[in-house]
Amino acid sequence: MAISEARERLLRSASELFYTEGIHSVGVDRIIEKAGVTRATFYRHFPSKEDLVQAYLAREDDLLRGAFAGIDGLPAAQQLEGAIQGIADDISRNHTRGCPFINASAEYPDAASPVRQLISGHREWFRSTLETALRAAGNADAAERARALVLLRDAALVGGYLDGPEIMRETFVRTARTVAGIEG
């Protein structure tokens, strides 16, 4: 099924505003105005702002999964290096204001909310994907290293925002390679 142009504009506008200004600080009227659609069009595509927030985070999840799909089938060490470089690129190019999932979590403290459930699913996929690659590369402590890489990514995204993405990129790559047990 094709995505309508209006829905795409709404999602693109909301994604930009949510990421740069925060979810709760951006109202539906502002999103409608930026997208150039009517209120009826907004509600036809998203029954509530919460539905739009979930679509925004699902899109972010899809983008990261797509990046990882590009390294499937490579030898394990190359998958790990590809994942590290992909995260480093994300830190320095796409997410220069922190992690959209961490940012959204700060605005949705209830762990049972649909938004937090989506974030939990994303984080579990990310951690398990790293664990699988680490295990394939021969790391006996793959689960611990995967958790450490997730932690490192979280810190690098926040650090990139606070200290500058290029500085954080270099530190992240060097440290992530050590954690993953691969040579740089």
N, C-alpha and C. Protein backbone atom coordinates (compact mmCIF):
# COMPACT_ATOMS: atom_id res chain seq x y z
N MET A 1 0.84 -1.18 0.00
CA MET A 1 0.00 0.00 0.00
C MET A 1 0.88 1.24 0.00
N ALA A 2 0.61 2.16 -0.86
CA ALA A 2 1.39 3.39 -0.95
C ALA A 2 1.02 4.33 0.20
N ILE A 3 2.03 5.01 0.70
CA ILE A 3 1.81 6.00 1.75
C ILE A 3 1.43 7.30 1.07
N SER A 4 0.37 7.93 1.57
CA SER A 4 -0.08 9.17 0.95
C SER A 4 0.96 10.28 1.18
N GLU A 5 0.97 11.22 0.24
CA GLU A 5 1.90 12.35 0.34
C GLU A 5 1.63 13.17 1.61
N ALA A 6 0.37 13.35 1.94
CA ALA A 6 0.01 14.13 3.14
C ALA A 6 0.50 13.42 4.40
N ARG A 7 0.32 12.12 4.47
CA ARG A 7 0.79 11.36 5.64
C ARG A 7 2.30 11.47 5.76
N GLU A 8 2.99 11.37 4.64
CA GLU A 8 4.44 11.47 4.63
C GLU A 8 4.89 12.86 5.10
N ARG A 9 4.21 13.90 4.64
CA ARG A 9 4.56 15.27 5.08
C ARG A 9 4.32 15.43 6.57
N LEU A 10 3.22 14.89 7.06
CA LEU A 10 2.94 14.95 8.50
C LEU A 10 4.03 14.24 9.30
N LEU A 11 4.38 13.07 8.86
CA LEU A 11 5.38 12.29 9.58
C LEU A 11 6.75 12.96 9.51
N ARG A 12 7.11 13.45 8.35
CA ARG A 12 8.40 14.13 8.19
C ARG A 12 8.45 15.41 9.04
N SER A 13 7.39 16.19 9.02
CA SER A 13 7.32 17.43 9.81
C SER A 13 7.38 17.12 11.30
N ALA A 14 6.57 16.16 11.72
CA ALA A 14 6.56 15.80 13.14
C ALA A 14 7.91 15.26 13.58
N SER A 15 8.52 14.44 12.76
CA SER A 15 9.83 13.87 13.11
C SER A 15 10.85 14.97 13.35
N GLU A 16 10.89 15.93 12.46
CA GLU A 16 11.83 17.04 12.61
C GLU A 16 11.55 17.84 13.88
N LEU A 17 10.29 18.19 14.08
CA LEU A 17 9.92 18.99 15.25
C LEU A 17 10.11 18.22 16.56
N PHE A 18 9.67 16.97 16.59
CA PHE A 18 9.81 16.17 17.81
C PHE A 18 11.28 16.03 18.18
N TYR A 19 12.11 15.76 17.19
CA TYR A 19 13.53 15.53 17.47
C TYR A 19 14.24 16.80 17.90
N THR A 20 13.94 17.93 17.27
CA THR A 20 14.67 19.15 17.58
C THR A 20 14.10 19.92 18.77
N GLU A 21 12.78 19.77 19.03
CA GLU A 21 12.16 20.59 20.06
C GLU A 21 11.54 19.81 21.21
N GLY A 22 11.36 18.52 21.03
CA GLY A 22 10.73 17.71 22.06
C GLY A 22 9.29 17.39 21.68
N ILE A 23 8.85 16.24 22.08
CA ILE A 23 7.52 15.76 21.70
C ILE A 23 6.42 16.58 22.35
N HIS A 24 6.49 16.74 23.67
CA HIS A 24 5.40 17.41 24.37
C HIS A 24 5.36 18.91 24.12
N SER A 25 6.47 19.50 23.68
CA SER A 25 6.47 20.94 23.44
C SER A 25 5.91 21.30 22.06
N VAL A 26 5.67 20.32 21.22
CA VAL A 26 5.16 20.56 19.87
C VAL A 26 3.69 20.13 19.81
N GLY A 27 2.83 21.07 19.48
CA GLY A 27 1.41 20.76 19.40
C GLY A 27 0.99 20.30 18.01
N VAL A 28 -0.17 19.71 17.95
CA VAL A 28 -0.73 19.23 16.69
C VAL A 28 -0.88 20.37 15.68
N ASP A 29 -1.31 21.54 16.14
CA ASP A 29 -1.49 22.66 15.23
C ASP A 29 -0.18 23.04 14.54
N ARG A 30 0.89 23.00 15.26
CA ARG A 30 2.20 23.34 14.68
C ARG A 30 2.60 22.31 13.61
N ILE A 31 2.34 21.05 13.88
CA ILE A 31 2.66 19.98 12.92
C ILE A 31 1.80 20.15 11.67
N ILE A 32 0.53 20.41 11.86
CA ILE A 32 -0.39 20.62 10.73
C ILE A 32 0.08 21.78 9.87
N GLU A 33 0.44 22.87 10.52
CA GLU A 33 0.90 24.05 9.78
C GLU A 33 2.18 23.74 8.99
N LYS A 34 3.14 23.11 9.64
CA LYS A 34 4.41 22.80 8.97
C LYS A 34 4.19 21.83 7.80
N ALA A 35 3.31 20.88 7.98
CA ALA A 35 3.04 19.89 6.93
C ALA A 35 2.15 20.44 5.82
N GLY A 36 1.47 21.52 6.09
CA GLY A 36 0.59 22.11 5.08
C GLY A 36 -0.63 21.26 4.79
N VAL A 37 -1.24 20.70 5.85
CA VAL A 37 -2.44 19.89 5.69
C VAL A 37 -3.54 20.44 6.59
N THR A 38 -4.73 19.91 6.44
CA THR A 38 -5.84 20.32 7.30
C THR A 38 -5.88 19.44 8.56
N ARG A 39 -6.62 19.92 9.53
CA ARG A 39 -6.79 19.14 10.76
C ARG A 39 -7.47 17.80 10.45
N ALA A 40 -8.44 17.83 9.54
CA ALA A 40 -9.13 16.58 9.16
C ALA A 40 -8.16 15.59 8.54
N THR A 41 -7.24 16.09 7.73
CA THR A 41 -6.23 15.21 7.12
C THR A 41 -5.34 14.61 8.19
N PHE A 42 -4.93 15.43 9.15
CA PHE A 42 -4.11 14.91 10.25
C PHE A 42 -4.83 13.75 10.92
N TYR A 43 -6.06 13.97 11.34
CA TYR A 43 -6.78 12.95 12.10
C TYR A 43 -7.21 11.75 11.25
N ARG A 44 -7.27 11.92 9.96
CA ARG A 44 -7.54 10.78 9.08
C ARG A 44 -6.34 9.82 9.10
N HIS A 45 -5.14 10.38 9.18
CA HIS A 45 -3.93 9.55 9.15
C HIS A 45 -3.46 9.14 10.55
N PHE A 46 -3.71 9.99 11.53
CA PHE A 46 -3.26 9.72 12.91
C PHE A 46 -4.40 10.07 13.86
N PRO A 47 -5.09 9.08 14.40
CA PRO A 47 -6.23 9.36 15.28
C PRO A 47 -5.89 10.23 16.50
N SER A 48 -4.60 10.23 16.88
CA SER A 48 -4.17 11.05 18.01
C SER A 48 -2.70 11.42 17.84
N LYS A 49 -2.27 12.39 18.62
CA LYS A 49 -0.85 12.75 18.59
C LYS A 49 0.00 11.56 19.01
N GLU A 50 -0.48 10.79 19.96
CA GLU A 50 0.25 9.60 20.42
C GLU A 50 0.49 8.61 19.27
N ASP A 51 -0.48 8.48 18.38
CA ASP A 51 -0.30 7.62 17.21
C ASP A 51 0.81 8.16 16.31
N LEU A 52 0.88 9.48 16.18
CA LEU A 52 1.93 10.11 15.40
C LEU A 52 3.30 9.90 16.06
N VAL A 53 3.35 10.01 17.37
CA VAL A 53 4.61 9.77 18.10
C VAL A 53 5.07 8.34 17.85
N GLN A 54 4.15 7.40 17.92
CA GLN A 54 4.52 6.00 17.67
C GLN A 54 5.01 5.80 16.23
N ALA A 55 4.38 6.47 15.28
CA ALA A 55 4.82 6.36 13.88
C ALA A 55 6.21 6.97 13.71
N TYR A 56 6.47 8.07 14.38
CA TYR A 56 7.80 8.71 14.35
C TYR A 56 8.86 7.76 14.87
N LEU A 57 8.61 7.14 16.01
CA LEU A 57 9.60 6.22 16.59
C LEU A 57 9.72 4.93 15.77
N ALA A 58 8.62 4.47 15.20
CA ALA A 58 8.67 3.29 14.33
C ALA A 58 9.52 3.58 13.10
N ARG A 59 9.42 4.79 12.58
CA ARG A 59 10.26 5.17 11.44
C ARG A 59 11.73 5.18 11.84
N GLU A 60 12.05 5.72 13.00
CA GLU A 60 13.43 5.72 13.48
C GLU A 60 13.94 4.28 13.62
N ASP A 61 13.09 3.42 14.14
CA ASP A 61 13.44 2.00 14.28
C ASP A 61 13.69 1.38 12.91
N ASP A 62 12.82 1.65 11.96
CA ASP A 62 12.97 1.11 10.60
C ASP A 62 14.28 1.57 9.96
N LEU A 63 14.65 2.82 10.18
CA LEU A 63 15.90 3.34 9.61
C LEU A 63 17.11 2.58 10.15
N LEU A 64 17.12 2.34 11.45
CA LEU A 64 18.26 1.61 12.03
C LEU A 64 18.25 0.15 11.58
N ARG A 65 17.09 -0.45 11.54
CA ARG A 65 17.01 -1.84 11.06
C ARG A 65 17.46 -1.93 9.60
N GLY A 66 17.10 -0.95 8.81
CA GLY A 66 17.54 -0.92 7.42
C GLY A 66 19.05 -0.82 7.30
N ALA A 67 19.65 -0.02 8.15
CA ALA A 67 21.11 0.10 8.14
C ALA A 67 21.76 -1.23 8.49
N PHE A 68 21.18 -1.94 9.45
CA PHE A 68 21.73 -3.23 9.85
C PHE A 68 21.49 -4.29 8.79
N ALA A 69 20.40 -4.18 8.06
CA ALA A 69 20.11 -5.15 7.00
C ALA A 69 21.19 -5.10 5.93
N GLY A 70 21.80 -3.93 5.76
CA GLY A 70 22.85 -3.78 4.77
C GLY A 70 24.12 -4.54 5.09
N ILE A 71 24.26 -5.00 6.34
CA ILE A 71 25.47 -5.74 6.71
C ILE A 71 25.20 -7.22 6.96
N ASP A 72 23.94 -7.62 6.84
CA ASP A 72 23.60 -9.05 6.97
C ASP A 72 24.36 -9.85 5.92
N GLY A 73 24.77 -11.02 6.28
CA GLY A 73 25.45 -11.89 5.34
C GLY A 73 26.96 -11.71 5.31
N LEU A 74 27.46 -10.64 5.91
CA LEU A 74 28.91 -10.45 6.00
C LEU A 74 29.48 -11.35 7.09
N PRO A 75 30.77 -11.64 7.04
CA PRO A 75 31.38 -12.36 8.17
C PRO A 75 31.17 -11.56 9.46
N ALA A 76 31.12 -12.27 10.58
CA ALA A 76 30.75 -11.65 11.87
C ALA A 76 31.60 -10.43 12.21
N ALA A 77 32.90 -10.51 12.06
CA ALA A 77 33.75 -9.36 12.40
C ALA A 77 33.42 -8.16 11.51
N GLN A 78 33.11 -8.41 10.25
CA GLN A 78 32.73 -7.32 9.34
C GLN A 78 31.35 -6.77 9.70
N GLN A 79 30.47 -7.63 10.18
CA GLN A 79 29.16 -7.15 10.65
C GLN A 79 29.35 -6.21 11.84
N LEU A 80 30.21 -6.62 12.76
CA LEU A 80 30.46 -5.78 13.93
C LEU A 80 31.07 -4.44 13.52
N GLU A 81 32.06 -4.48 12.64
CA GLU A 81 32.68 -3.24 12.18
C GLU A 81 31.65 -2.39 11.43
N GLY A 82 30.80 -3.02 10.63
CA GLY A 82 29.75 -2.29 9.93
C GLY A 82 28.77 -1.65 10.90
N ALA A 83 28.42 -2.37 11.95
CA ALA A 83 27.51 -1.83 12.96
C ALA A 83 28.16 -0.64 13.67
N ILE A 84 29.42 -0.78 14.02
CA ILE A 84 30.13 0.31 14.71
C ILE A 84 30.20 1.54 13.81
N GLN A 85 30.56 1.35 12.54
CA GLN A 85 30.65 2.49 11.62
C GLN A 85 29.27 3.09 11.36
N GLY A 86 28.24 2.24 11.29
CA GLY A 86 26.89 2.75 11.10
C GLY A 86 26.43 3.60 12.27
N ILE A 87 26.74 3.15 13.48
CA ILE A 87 26.38 3.93 14.66
C ILE A 87 27.17 5.23 14.68
N ALA A 88 28.46 5.15 14.35
CA ALA A 88 29.29 6.35 14.31
C ALA A 88 28.75 7.36 13.29
N ASP A 89 28.33 6.86 12.12
CA ASP A 89 27.74 7.75 11.12
C ASP A 89 26.46 8.39 11.66
N ASP A 90 25.65 7.59 12.36
CA ASP A 90 24.41 8.10 12.93
C ASP A 90 24.70 9.21 13.93
N ILE A 91 25.71 9.01 14.77
CA ILE A 91 26.07 10.01 15.78
C ILE A 91 26.49 11.32 15.12
N SER A 92 27.26 11.22 14.04
CA SER A 92 27.82 12.43 13.45
C SER A 92 26.97 13.05 12.34
N ARG A 93 25.99 12.32 11.81
CA ARG A 93 25.21 12.86 10.69
C ARG A 93 23.73 13.03 10.99
N ASN A 94 23.11 12.01 11.55
CA ASN A 94 21.65 12.01 11.68
C ASN A 94 21.15 12.46 13.04
N HIS A 95 21.75 11.98 14.08
CA HIS A 95 21.25 12.23 15.42
C HIS A 95 22.24 13.06 16.23
N THR A 96 22.36 14.31 15.84
CA THR A 96 23.30 15.21 16.49
C THR A 96 22.69 15.90 17.71
N ARG A 97 21.46 15.56 18.04
CA ARG A 97 20.80 16.11 19.24
C ARG A 97 20.40 14.98 20.19
N GLY A 98 21.19 13.92 20.20
CA GLY A 98 20.91 12.81 21.09
C GLY A 98 20.09 11.73 20.43
N CYS A 99 19.79 10.71 21.19
CA CYS A 99 19.05 9.55 20.71
C CYS A 99 17.55 9.84 20.75
N PRO A 100 16.84 9.66 19.64
CA PRO A 100 15.41 9.94 19.65
C PRO A 100 14.65 9.03 20.62
N PHE A 101 15.15 7.82 20.85
CA PHE A 101 14.48 6.89 21.77
C PHE A 101 14.70 7.31 23.22
N ILE A 102 15.90 7.74 23.55
CA ILE A 102 16.18 8.23 24.90
C ILE A 102 15.39 9.52 25.14
N ASN A 103 15.41 10.40 24.14
CA ASN A 103 14.66 11.66 24.28
C ASN A 103 13.18 11.39 24.52
N ALA A 104 12.61 10.46 23.75
CA ALA A 104 11.18 10.14 23.92
C ALA A 104 10.93 9.48 25.27
N SER A 105 11.85 8.64 25.71
CA SER A 105 11.69 7.98 27.02
C SER A 105 11.61 9.00 28.15
N ALA A 106 12.39 10.07 28.03
CA ALA A 106 12.36 11.11 29.06
C ALA A 106 10.99 11.79 29.12
N GLU A 107 10.29 11.82 28.00
CA GLU A 107 8.97 12.46 27.96
C GLU A 107 7.83 11.50 28.25
N TYR A 108 8.12 10.21 28.25
CA TYR A 108 7.11 9.18 28.53
C TYR A 108 7.64 8.27 29.64
N PRO A 109 7.52 8.71 30.89
CA PRO A 109 8.11 7.95 31.99
C PRO A 109 7.41 6.62 32.32
N ASP A 110 6.17 6.46 31.91
CA ASP A 110 5.42 5.24 32.22
C ASP A 110 5.90 4.10 31.32
N ALA A 111 6.58 3.14 31.91
CA ALA A 111 7.15 2.01 31.16
C ALA A 111 6.07 1.17 30.47
N ALA A 112 4.83 1.28 30.91
CA ALA A 112 3.75 0.50 30.31
C ALA A 112 3.08 1.22 29.13
N SER A 113 3.45 2.47 28.89
CA SER A 113 2.81 3.21 27.80
C SER A 113 3.20 2.61 26.45
N PRO A 114 2.34 2.77 25.45
CA PRO A 114 2.66 2.25 24.11
C PRO A 114 3.97 2.81 23.55
N VAL A 115 4.26 4.06 23.84
CA VAL A 115 5.52 4.66 23.36
C VAL A 115 6.71 3.95 23.98
N ARG A 116 6.67 3.76 25.28
CA ARG A 116 7.79 3.08 25.96
C ARG A 116 7.88 1.62 25.55
N GLN A 117 6.77 0.99 25.24
CA GLN A 117 6.80 -0.40 24.78
C GLN A 117 7.49 -0.48 23.42
N LEU A 118 7.21 0.48 22.55
CA LEU A 118 7.87 0.54 21.25
C LEU A 118 9.38 0.74 21.44
N ILE A 119 9.76 1.62 22.33
CA ILE A 119 11.17 1.88 22.62
C ILE A 119 11.83 0.63 23.17
N SER A 120 11.16 -0.07 24.07
CA SER A 120 11.71 -1.31 24.63
C SER A 120 11.93 -2.36 23.55
N GLY A 121 10.97 -2.48 22.64
CA GLY A 121 11.12 -3.42 21.53
C GLY A 121 12.30 -3.07 20.65
N HIS A 122 12.48 -1.79 20.39
CA HIS A 122 13.63 -1.35 19.58
C HIS A 122 14.95 -1.70 20.28
N ARG A 123 15.02 -1.40 21.55
CA ARG A 123 16.27 -1.64 22.29
C ARG A 123 16.56 -3.14 22.39
N GLU A 124 15.54 -3.95 22.56
CA GLU A 124 15.75 -5.39 22.63
C GLU A 124 16.24 -5.92 21.28
N TRP A 125 15.63 -5.46 20.19
CA TRP A 125 16.11 -5.86 18.87
C TRP A 125 17.57 -5.45 18.68
N PHE A 126 17.90 -4.23 19.01
CA PHE A 126 19.26 -3.71 18.83
C PHE A 126 20.26 -4.55 19.64
N ARG A 127 19.94 -4.78 20.91
CA ARG A 127 20.85 -5.55 21.77
C ARG A 127 20.99 -6.98 21.26
N SER A 128 19.90 -7.62 20.90
CA SER A 128 19.98 -9.02 20.45
C SER A 128 20.69 -9.14 19.11
N THR A 129 20.55 -8.14 18.24
CA THR A 129 21.27 -8.15 16.97
C THR A 129 22.77 -8.08 17.21
N LEU A 130 23.17 -7.20 18.10
CA LEU A 130 24.60 -7.11 18.44
C LEU A 130 25.09 -8.39 19.10
N GLU A 131 24.29 -8.94 19.99
CA GLU A 131 24.68 -10.19 20.66
C GLU A 131 24.88 -11.32 19.66
N THR A 132 23.99 -11.43 18.70
CA THR A 132 24.11 -12.47 17.68
C THR A 132 25.41 -12.31 16.89
N ALA A 133 25.73 -11.09 16.49
CA ALA A 133 26.97 -10.84 15.74
C ALA A 133 28.20 -11.12 16.61
N LEU A 134 28.14 -10.72 17.87
CA LEU A 134 29.27 -10.97 18.78
C LEU A 134 29.48 -12.46 19.01
N ARG A 135 28.38 -13.18 19.18
CA ARG A 135 28.47 -14.64 19.37
C ARG A 135 29.06 -15.31 18.12
N ALA A 136 28.60 -14.88 16.95
CA ALA A 136 29.12 -15.42 15.68
C ALA A 136 30.60 -15.12 15.52
N ALA A 137 31.06 -14.02 16.10
CA ALA A 137 32.48 -13.65 16.02
C ALA A 137 33.32 -14.39 17.06
N GLY A 138 32.66 -15.25 17.87
CA GLY A 138 33.40 -16.07 18.82
C GLY A 138 33.53 -15.49 20.22
N ASN A 139 32.73 -14.50 20.54
CA ASN A 139 32.79 -13.91 21.88
C ASN A 139 31.94 -14.74 22.85
N ALA A 140 32.61 -15.37 23.82
CA ALA A 140 31.90 -16.18 24.80
C ALA A 140 31.00 -15.32 25.68
N ASP A 141 31.38 -14.09 25.90
CA ASP A 141 30.60 -13.18 26.74
C ASP A 141 29.80 -12.20 25.87
N ALA A 142 29.20 -12.73 24.82
CA ALA A 142 28.50 -11.91 23.84
C ALA A 142 27.37 -11.10 24.46
N ALA A 143 26.63 -11.66 25.39
CA ALA A 143 25.50 -10.93 26.00
C ALA A 143 25.99 -9.69 26.75
N GLU A 144 27.04 -9.86 27.53
CA GLU A 144 27.60 -8.72 28.28
C GLU A 144 28.17 -7.67 27.34
N ARG A 145 28.88 -8.11 26.31
CA ARG A 145 29.46 -7.16 25.35
C ARG A 145 28.36 -6.42 24.58
N ALA A 146 27.28 -7.10 24.26
CA ALA A 146 26.17 -6.45 23.56
C ALA A 146 25.55 -5.37 24.44
N ARG A 147 25.35 -5.68 25.72
CA ARG A 147 24.81 -4.68 26.65
C ARG A 147 25.76 -3.49 26.74
N ALA A 148 27.06 -3.77 26.76
CA ALA A 148 28.05 -2.70 26.82
C ALA A 148 28.03 -1.84 25.56
N LEU A 149 27.84 -2.45 24.40
CA LEU A 149 27.77 -1.68 23.15
C LEU A 149 26.51 -0.82 23.10
N VAL A 150 25.39 -1.33 23.62
CA VAL A 150 24.17 -0.52 23.69
C VAL A 150 24.41 0.67 24.60
N LEU A 151 25.00 0.41 25.75
CA LEU A 151 25.32 1.48 26.69
C LEU A 151 26.25 2.51 26.04
N LEU A 152 27.24 2.02 25.32
CA LEU A 152 28.19 2.90 24.66
C LEU A 152 27.50 3.75 23.59
N ARG A 153 26.59 3.14 22.84
CA ARG A 153 25.84 3.92 21.83
C ARG A 153 24.99 4.99 22.51
N ASP A 154 24.31 4.62 23.59
CA ASP A 154 23.51 5.60 24.32
C ASP A 154 24.37 6.78 24.75
N ALA A 155 25.50 6.46 25.35
CA ALA A 155 26.40 7.51 25.84
C ALA A 155 26.96 8.34 24.70
N ALA A 156 27.30 7.70 23.60
CA ALA A 156 27.88 8.41 22.46
C ALA A 156 26.87 9.37 21.83
N LEU A 157 25.61 8.97 21.75
CA LEU A 157 24.60 9.86 21.19
C LEU A 157 24.38 11.08 22.07
N VAL A 158 24.35 10.87 23.37
CA VAL A 158 24.21 12.00 24.29
C VAL A 158 25.49 12.84 24.27
N GLY A 159 26.65 12.17 24.32
CA GLY A 159 27.92 12.88 24.29
C GLY A 159 28.14 13.64 23.00
N GLY A 160 27.68 13.09 21.90
CA GLY A 160 27.79 13.78 20.63
C GLY A 160 27.04 15.09 20.64
N TYR A 161 25.90 15.09 21.29
CA TYR A 161 25.11 16.31 21.40
C TYR A 161 25.79 17.32 22.32
N LEU A 162 26.32 16.84 23.42
CA LEU A 162 26.91 17.75 24.41
C LEU A 162 28.33 18.20 24.06
N ASP A 163 29.13 17.28 23.52
CA ASP A 163 30.55 17.56 23.31
C ASP A 163 30.95 17.73 21.84
N GLY A 164 30.06 17.42 20.95
CA GLY A 164 30.35 17.52 19.52
C GLY A 164 30.44 16.15 18.88
N PRO A 165 29.73 15.96 17.78
CA PRO A 165 29.65 14.64 17.16
C PRO A 165 30.98 14.11 16.62
N GLU A 166 31.83 14.95 16.10
CA GLU A 166 33.09 14.44 15.53
C GLU A 166 34.02 13.92 16.62
N ILE A 167 34.10 14.62 17.73
CA ILE A 167 34.91 14.15 18.85
C ILE A 167 34.36 12.83 19.36
N MET A 168 33.06 12.77 19.54
CA MET A 168 32.44 11.57 20.09
C MET A 168 32.54 10.40 19.11
N ARG A 169 32.48 10.68 17.82
CA ARG A 169 32.58 9.62 16.81
C ARG A 169 33.89 8.85 16.99
N GLU A 170 34.99 9.56 17.05
CA GLU A 170 36.30 8.91 17.18
C GLU A 170 36.39 8.09 18.46
N THR A 171 35.93 8.66 19.55
CA THR A 171 35.97 7.95 20.83
C THR A 171 35.08 6.73 20.80
N PHE A 172 33.88 6.88 20.23
CA PHE A 172 32.96 5.76 20.14
C PHE A 172 33.58 4.62 19.33
N VAL A 173 34.09 4.91 18.15
CA VAL A 173 34.64 3.85 17.28
C VAL A 173 35.77 3.11 17.99
N ARG A 174 36.68 3.83 18.55
CA ARG A 174 37.82 3.22 19.25
C ARG A 174 37.35 2.33 20.41
N THR A 175 36.46 2.85 21.21
CA THR A 175 35.98 2.11 22.38
C THR A 175 35.10 0.94 21.98
N ALA A 176 34.23 1.12 21.00
CA ALA A 176 33.34 0.06 20.55
C ALA A 176 34.13 -1.11 19.97
N ARG A 177 35.19 -0.81 19.23
CA ARG A 177 36.04 -1.89 18.71
C ARG A 177 36.67 -2.70 19.85
N THR A 178 37.09 -2.01 20.88
CA THR A 178 37.66 -2.71 22.03
C THR A 178 36.60 -3.59 22.70
N VAL A 179 35.42 -3.05 22.92
CA VAL A 179 34.34 -3.79 23.54
C VAL A 179 33.96 -5.00 22.68
N ALA A 180 33.92 -4.82 21.37
CA ALA A 180 33.54 -5.89 20.45
C ALA A 180 34.65 -6.92 20.26
N GLY A 181 35.85 -6.58 20.69
CA GLY A 181 36.96 -7.51 20.54
C GLY A 181 37.49 -7.62 19.12
N ILE A 182 37.41 -6.52 18.38
CA ILE A 182 37.93 -6.51 17.01
C ILE A 182 39.03 -5.47 16.89
N GLU A 183 39.92 -5.71 15.98
CA GLU A 183 41.02 -4.78 15.73
C GLU A 183 40.53 -3.65 14.85
N GLY A 184 41.05 -2.45 15.09
CA GLY A 184 40.66 -1.30 14.30
C GLY A 184 41.68 -1.01 13.32
